[in-house]
Amino acid sequence: MKRIATFTAVLVAAGAAIAGTALAADDYPARPITMIVPFPAGGPSDVVSRIMAEGMGRQLGQQVVVENVGGAGGTIGTARAAASEPNGYYILSAGMGSIISAPALYPNLKYDPKKDFEPIGLTSHAPAAIVAKKDFPAKDLKEFIAYVKKNGDQVKWAHGGVGAASHMAGLLFNTQLDLKPNSIAYRGTGPALNDLVAGHIDYFCDQVVSVAESVKGGSIKAYGVSSNDPSPSLPDVPAASKNGAPTYKLSIWSAILAPKGTPKPIVDKLAAALDKTLDDPAVAKRLEALGGIVPPKAERGPAYLSKLVQDDLSRWDPILRKAVAEAPKN
């Protein structure tokens, strides 16, 4: 009789927990949501994140507040998100740098991209652009490559921190073309771009989203993009693969994740809010103006993002480890 009573108590407790989760999901969100952006304000992750936060907040009926937590190529903010309470009130605006490249570059990473997050969905993706200070002497990408090869570590290459998408994009470009510039790390793409505009560094590689406006304004110059064809936002910039860098192809994505253990009904609500945000023509227009590409319906939602992360980790891990081993130590 005692065993039956114990078993009944367990069932009651389990039922109460399930009911509590369902009730929490019904009431969710009851207060503002924090979106952790693991880079300083002003960079591509921050720009896209604020567009998503505004749209998702509108769909959810609660404000989504962006909190910038920069440093260590995005891994500090990403680790903070992974350790946050899985209640739907903390989400991460993730990028390829802290999710895909960090495991290969940081031996003591404090999170596991495969195990510590619940995928919500892609927010955008974009090719990388090879950009330089406005008075860089080369007139096209072939001359640019020749100049960097000739001048070696006299040329300053910047990136947004080890493991950032800009580091990933530049590392791939440099190693594929056997370039050995002086590597200079920043705490995010925003500060690196500021120094590029000021002429303190020579070049860097990052997603079109972060550089399109500066290129259009003439404060920096672009030599190529990592897609098969020119980006709609930079139609006059040629594909690198057809102009001196035949193997340089890369699409940089961003996404929304939640801490592992966030209840599925809440994950579903967040995914639905993101989907509706991406369907908004005004959001699509803003992303496209920046050089971003809105994911088509087939590339949205938790299932697609989960597979993408798994596939990209498998694809990039050996490439990045080889690149790091062969890169000059600066």
Protein backbone atom coordinates (compact mmCIF):
# COMPACT_ATOMS: atom_id res chain seq x y z
CA MET A 1 0.00 0.00 0.00
CA LYS A 2 2.88 2.31 0.84
CA ARG A 3 4.45 1.69 -2.59
CA ILE A 4 1.17 2.51 -4.32
CA ALA A 5 0.90 5.74 -2.37
CA THR A 6 4.48 6.68 -3.24
CA PHE A 7 3.90 5.93 -6.93
CA THR A 8 0.72 7.98 -6.87
CA ALA A 9 2.58 10.89 -5.28
CA VAL A 10 5.21 10.74 -8.02
CA LEU A 11 2.52 10.80 -10.70
CA VAL A 12 0.80 13.74 -9.04
CA ALA A 13 4.10 15.63 -8.80
CA ALA A 14 4.91 14.92 -12.45
CA GLY A 15 1.46 16.02 -13.50
CA ALA A 16 1.79 19.21 -11.51
CA ALA A 17 5.18 19.93 -13.11
CA ILE A 18 3.75 19.42 -16.60
CA ALA A 19 0.75 21.57 -15.80
CA GLY A 20 3.04 24.23 -14.35
CA THR A 21 5.15 24.28 -17.50
CA ALA A 22 2.05 24.57 -19.68
CA LEU A 23 0.69 27.38 -17.51
CA ALA A 24 4.03 29.18 -17.62
CA ALA A 25 4.05 28.89 -21.41
CA ASP A 26 0.48 30.22 -21.59
CA ASP A 27 1.45 33.27 -19.55
CA TYR A 28 4.81 33.73 -21.30
CA PRO A 29 6.17 36.31 -21.62
CA ALA A 30 4.99 38.14 -18.53
CA ARG A 31 7.95 40.51 -18.38
CA PRO A 32 10.72 41.84 -20.67
CA ILE A 33 13.13 39.35 -22.25
CA THR A 34 16.90 39.86 -22.27
CA MET A 35 18.69 39.17 -25.54
CA ILE A 36 22.40 38.70 -24.88
CA VAL A 37 24.58 39.92 -27.75
CA PRO A 38 28.15 38.65 -27.21
CA PHE A 39 29.78 41.64 -28.92
CA PRO A 40 29.98 45.40 -28.31
CA ALA A 41 27.38 47.75 -29.75
CA GLY A 42 27.81 48.81 -33.36
CA GLY A 43 29.01 45.56 -34.92
CA PRO A 44 27.00 43.32 -37.29
CA SER A 45 25.71 41.04 -34.53
CA ASP A 46 24.43 44.05 -32.62
CA VAL A 47 22.74 45.61 -35.66
CA VAL A 48 20.91 42.42 -36.67
CA SER A 49 20.09 41.63 -33.03
CA ARG A 50 18.37 44.97 -32.49
CA ILE A 51 16.26 44.50 -35.61
CA MET A 52 15.24 41.04 -34.36
CA ALA A 53 14.66 42.23 -30.80
CA GLU A 54 12.35 44.98 -31.96
CA GLY A 55 10.35 42.64 -34.20
CA MET A 56 10.13 39.76 -31.75
CA GLY A 57 9.13 42.10 -28.96
CA ARG A 58 6.28 43.36 -31.08
CA GLN A 59 5.12 39.81 -31.80
CA LEU A 60 5.41 38.66 -28.17
CA GLY A 61 3.85 41.74 -26.63
CA GLN A 62 6.85 42.35 -24.37
CA GLN A 63 10.04 44.33 -24.82
CA VAL A 64 13.14 42.36 -25.83
CA VAL A 65 16.09 44.21 -24.29
CA VAL A 66 19.53 43.89 -25.89
CA GLU A 67 22.42 43.42 -23.47
CA ASN A 68 25.89 43.64 -25.02
CA VAL A 69 28.42 41.35 -23.32
CA GLY A 70 31.58 41.51 -25.43
CA GLY A 71 35.01 39.96 -25.16
CA ALA A 72 37.03 36.89 -26.16
CA GLY A 73 35.56 36.60 -29.63
CA GLY A 74 32.01 36.43 -28.32
CA THR A 75 32.65 33.53 -25.95
CA ILE A 76 32.13 35.51 -22.72
CA GLY A 77 28.61 36.56 -23.62
CA THR A 78 27.81 33.15 -25.07
CA ALA A 79 28.97 31.44 -21.87
CA ARG A 80 26.82 33.83 -19.86
CA ALA A 81 23.78 32.95 -21.97
CA ALA A 82 24.48 29.21 -21.60
CA ALA A 83 24.54 29.61 -17.80
CA SER A 84 21.35 31.70 -17.67
CA GLU A 85 18.13 30.38 -16.19
CA PRO A 86 16.25 28.40 -18.87
CA ASN A 87 12.94 30.15 -18.40
CA GLY A 88 12.57 31.97 -21.71
CA TYR A 89 13.63 35.33 -20.32
CA TYR A 90 17.22 34.97 -21.53
CA ILE A 91 18.05 34.32 -25.16
CA LEU A 92 21.26 34.57 -27.14
CA SER A 93 21.84 36.30 -30.45
CA ALA A 94 24.48 33.91 -31.70
CA GLY A 95 26.91 33.99 -34.58
CA MET A 96 29.20 31.53 -36.30
CA GLY A 97 32.19 32.78 -34.38
CA SER A 98 31.17 31.83 -30.85
CA ILE A 99 29.20 28.73 -31.90
CA ILE A 100 31.20 27.20 -34.77
CA SER A 101 34.78 28.45 -34.60
CA ALA A 102 35.23 28.84 -30.83
CA PRO A 103 35.42 25.08 -30.05
CA ALA A 104 38.43 24.78 -32.36
CA LEU A 105 40.13 27.93 -31.07
CA TYR A 106 39.49 27.92 -27.31
CA PRO A 107 40.70 24.78 -25.49
CA ASN A 108 38.96 25.74 -22.23
CA LEU A 109 35.61 26.85 -23.62
CA LYS A 110 33.00 27.14 -20.85
CA TYR A 111 30.09 25.89 -22.95
CA ASP A 112 29.35 23.20 -25.50
CA PRO A 113 27.51 24.50 -28.59
CA LYS A 114 26.02 21.04 -29.18
CA LYS A 115 24.70 20.49 -25.65
CA ASP A 116 24.13 23.81 -23.88
CA PHE A 117 21.52 25.50 -26.07
CA GLU A 118 18.03 25.10 -27.45
CA PRO A 119 17.93 26.33 -31.07
CA ILE A 120 15.27 28.91 -31.92
CA GLY A 121 16.09 29.77 -35.53
CA LEU A 122 18.26 31.57 -38.05
CA THR A 123 17.91 35.35 -38.27
CA SER A 124 19.99 36.09 -41.37
CA HIS A 125 23.05 35.12 -43.33
CA ALA A 126 25.42 37.06 -45.53
CA PRO A 127 28.67 36.70 -47.46
CA ALA A 128 31.91 38.10 -46.10
CA ALA A 129 33.54 41.13 -47.70
CA ILE A 130 37.26 41.86 -47.98
CA VAL A 131 37.58 45.53 -47.09
CA ALA A 132 40.51 47.91 -46.64
CA LYS A 133 41.21 51.48 -45.60
CA LYS A 134 40.16 53.95 -48.25
CA ASP A 135 43.70 54.81 -49.36
CA PHE A 136 44.96 51.22 -49.63
CA PRO A 137 47.11 51.25 -52.80
CA ALA A 138 45.76 48.18 -54.65
CA LYS A 139 43.17 48.83 -57.36
CA ASP A 140 41.61 45.34 -57.40
CA LEU A 141 41.68 42.06 -55.47
CA LYS A 142 44.57 40.57 -57.44
CA GLU A 143 46.72 43.61 -56.69
CA PHE A 144 45.54 43.52 -53.08
CA ILE A 145 46.69 39.90 -52.66
CA ALA A 146 50.02 40.65 -54.33
CA TYR A 147 50.58 43.67 -52.08
CA VAL A 148 49.88 41.75 -48.86
CA LYS A 149 52.13 38.88 -49.97
CA LYS A 150 54.96 41.26 -50.74
CA ASN A 151 54.69 43.32 -47.55
CA GLY A 152 53.91 40.53 -45.07
CA ASP A 153 53.62 41.61 -41.46
CA GLN A 154 53.97 45.26 -42.42
CA VAL A 155 50.29 44.99 -43.37
CA LYS A 156 47.84 45.13 -40.46
CA TRP A 157 44.89 42.72 -40.59
CA ALA A 158 42.19 43.26 -37.96
CA HIS A 159 39.45 41.04 -36.59
CA GLY A 160 36.87 41.19 -33.82
CA GLY A 161 38.65 38.78 -31.48
CA VAL A 162 39.84 35.18 -31.72
CA GLY A 163 36.85 33.05 -32.65
CA ALA A 164 34.72 35.92 -33.98
CA ALA A 165 33.16 35.56 -37.42
CA SER A 166 35.52 38.25 -38.72
CA HIS A 167 38.48 36.23 -37.41
CA MET A 168 37.06 33.11 -39.03
CA ALA A 169 36.51 34.88 -42.38
CA GLY A 170 39.93 36.52 -42.37
CA LEU A 171 41.77 33.42 -41.21
CA LEU A 172 40.25 31.41 -44.04
CA PHE A 173 41.12 34.10 -46.59
CA ASN A 174 44.70 34.52 -45.36
CA THR A 175 45.54 30.82 -45.15
CA GLN A 176 43.98 29.96 -48.50
CA LEU A 177 46.12 32.61 -50.19
CA ASP A 178 49.23 32.11 -48.02
CA LEU A 179 49.08 35.66 -46.67
CA LYS A 180 51.03 36.46 -43.48
CA PRO A 181 49.89 39.88 -42.22
CA ASN A 182 50.24 41.31 -38.74
CA SER A 183 47.14 40.10 -36.87
CA ILE A 184 45.45 42.65 -34.59
CA ALA A 185 42.55 41.57 -32.38
CA TYR A 186 39.79 43.88 -31.18
CA ARG A 187 36.94 43.46 -28.72
CA GLY A 188 34.37 43.17 -31.48
CA THR A 189 33.90 44.19 -35.09
CA GLY A 190 32.63 47.69 -34.26
CA PRO A 191 35.95 48.91 -32.81
CA ALA A 192 37.88 47.23 -35.65
CA LEU A 193 35.73 48.97 -38.25
CA ASN A 194 36.23 52.31 -36.51
CA ASP A 195 40.00 51.90 -36.72
CA LEU A 196 39.77 50.81 -40.36
CA VAL A 197 37.82 53.96 -41.19
CA ALA A 198 40.44 56.00 -39.31
CA GLY A 199 43.22 54.33 -41.29
CA HIS A 200 44.94 52.77 -38.28
CA ILE A 201 44.72 49.27 -39.78
CA ASP A 202 44.88 48.07 -43.36
CA TYR A 203 42.12 45.50 -43.88
CA PHE A 204 39.72 43.01 -42.43
CA CYS A 205 37.13 40.49 -43.58
CA ASP A 206 33.63 40.40 -42.19
CA GLN A 207 30.02 39.94 -43.22
CA VAL A 208 28.59 42.47 -45.63
CA VAL A 209 26.08 43.50 -42.95
CA SER A 210 28.84 45.18 -40.96
CA VAL A 211 30.60 47.03 -43.77
CA ALA A 212 28.09 47.85 -46.54
CA GLU A 213 27.23 51.34 -45.28
CA SER A 214 30.88 52.30 -44.83
CA VAL A 215 31.72 51.03 -48.32
CA LYS A 216 28.80 52.93 -49.85
CA GLY A 217 29.82 56.07 -47.96
CA GLY A 218 33.37 55.86 -49.27
CA SER A 219 35.07 55.67 -45.87
CA ILE A 220 36.55 52.24 -46.74
CA LYS A 221 36.95 50.26 -49.96
CA ALA A 222 35.85 46.71 -50.78
CA TYR A 223 37.81 44.26 -52.94
CA GLY A 224 35.59 41.18 -53.04
CA VAL A 225 32.80 39.15 -51.47
CA SER A 226 32.76 35.46 -50.52
CA SER A 227 29.59 34.56 -52.45
CA ASN A 228 29.32 33.21 -55.99
CA ASP A 229 27.96 36.55 -57.19
CA PRO A 230 28.06 40.16 -56.01
CA SER A 231 25.92 41.05 -53.00
CA PRO A 232 22.75 43.03 -53.84
CA SER A 233 23.83 45.67 -51.32
CA LEU A 234 27.28 45.95 -52.93
CA PRO A 235 26.57 45.23 -56.60
CA ASP A 236 29.83 46.75 -57.82
CA VAL A 237 32.02 44.54 -55.61
CA PRO A 238 33.02 41.34 -57.47
CA ALA A 239 32.96 37.78 -56.19
CA ALA A 240 36.40 36.99 -54.76
CA SER A 241 36.27 33.48 -56.25
CA LYS A 242 36.26 34.97 -59.75
CA ASN A 243 38.91 37.63 -59.13
CA GLY A 244 41.99 36.12 -57.57
CA ALA A 245 40.72 34.01 -54.64
CA PRO A 246 39.14 30.98 -56.37
CA THR A 247 38.38 28.98 -53.21
CA TYR A 248 37.18 31.81 -50.98
CA LYS A 249 33.51 31.03 -50.40
CA LEU A 250 31.74 31.58 -47.10
CA SER A 251 28.29 32.51 -45.80
CA ILE A 252 28.16 33.92 -42.27
CA TRP A 253 24.94 33.29 -40.38
CA SER A 254 23.38 34.59 -37.19
CA ALA A 255 20.71 32.94 -35.08
CA ILE A 256 18.72 32.95 -31.85
CA LEU A 257 19.38 30.31 -29.17
CA ALA A 258 18.06 29.75 -25.65
CA PRO A 259 19.73 28.05 -22.67
CA LYS A 260 19.38 24.26 -22.58
CA GLY A 261 16.28 23.20 -20.71
CA THR A 262 14.08 26.08 -21.84
CA PRO A 263 10.61 24.47 -22.07
CA LYS A 264 9.55 23.44 -25.56
CA PRO A 265 6.29 25.45 -25.50
CA ILE A 266 8.35 28.58 -24.82
CA VAL A 267 10.90 27.66 -27.51
CA ASP A 268 7.99 27.25 -29.92
CA LYS A 269 6.62 30.68 -28.98
CA LEU A 270 9.99 32.30 -29.54
CA ALA A 271 10.43 30.49 -32.87
CA ALA A 272 6.97 31.61 -34.01
CA ALA A 273 7.75 35.21 -33.04
CA LEU A 274 11.02 35.08 -34.97
CA ASP A 275 9.29 33.57 -38.00
CA LYS A 276 6.68 36.34 -38.05
CA THR A 277 9.43 38.94 -37.62
CA LEU A 278 11.25 37.59 -40.67
CA ASP A 279 7.98 37.69 -42.65
CA ASP A 280 7.67 41.43 -42.01
CA PRO A 281 8.55 43.26 -45.27
CA ALA A 282 10.00 46.17 -43.29
CA VAL A 283 12.40 43.84 -41.47
CA ALA A 284 13.41 42.15 -44.72
CA LYS A 285 14.05 45.55 -46.28
CA ARG A 286 16.27 46.63 -43.37
CA LEU A 287 18.29 43.40 -43.46
CA GLU A 288 18.70 43.48 -47.23
CA ALA A 289 19.82 47.12 -47.12
CA LEU A 290 22.58 46.01 -44.76
CA GLY A 291 23.57 43.14 -47.03
CA GLY A 292 21.86 40.39 -45.05
CA ILE A 293 19.72 37.67 -46.56
CA VAL A 294 16.42 36.69 -44.92
CA PRO A 295 16.28 32.90 -44.48
CA PRO A 296 13.58 31.32 -46.67
CA LYS A 297 10.84 29.33 -44.93
CA ALA A 298 12.70 26.04 -45.44
CA GLU A 299 15.66 27.43 -43.46
CA ARG A 300 13.77 28.58 -40.38
CA GLY A 301 12.94 27.09 -37.02
CA PRO A 302 14.70 24.95 -34.39
CA ALA A 303 15.10 21.77 -36.46
CA TYR A 304 16.90 23.44 -39.35
CA LEU A 305 19.19 25.43 -37.03
CA SER A 306 20.05 22.33 -35.00
CA LYS A 307 21.18 20.47 -38.13
CA LEU A 308 23.06 23.51 -39.45
CA VAL A 309 25.07 23.83 -36.23
CA GLN A 310 25.92 20.12 -36.24
CA ASP A 311 26.93 20.19 -39.92
CA ASP A 312 28.98 23.38 -39.65
CA LEU A 313 30.85 22.15 -36.57
CA SER A 314 31.84 19.01 -38.47
CA ARG A 315 32.79 20.97 -41.58
CA TRP A 316 34.75 23.81 -40.00
CA ASP A 317 36.56 22.14 -37.10
CA PRO A 318 39.35 20.54 -39.18
CA ILE A 319 39.65 23.62 -41.41
CA LEU A 320 40.03 25.98 -38.47
CA ARG A 321 42.43 23.77 -36.54
CA LYS A 322 44.65 23.50 -39.62
CA ALA A 323 44.44 27.25 -40.23
CA VAL A 324 45.39 28.04 -36.65
CA ALA A 325 48.32 25.61 -36.76
CA GLU A 326 49.63 27.18 -39.96
CA ALA A 327 48.91 30.82 -39.14
CA PRO A 328 51.81 33.10 -38.15
CA LYS A 329 52.05 33.65 -34.40
CA ASN A 330 51.71 37.37 -33.69
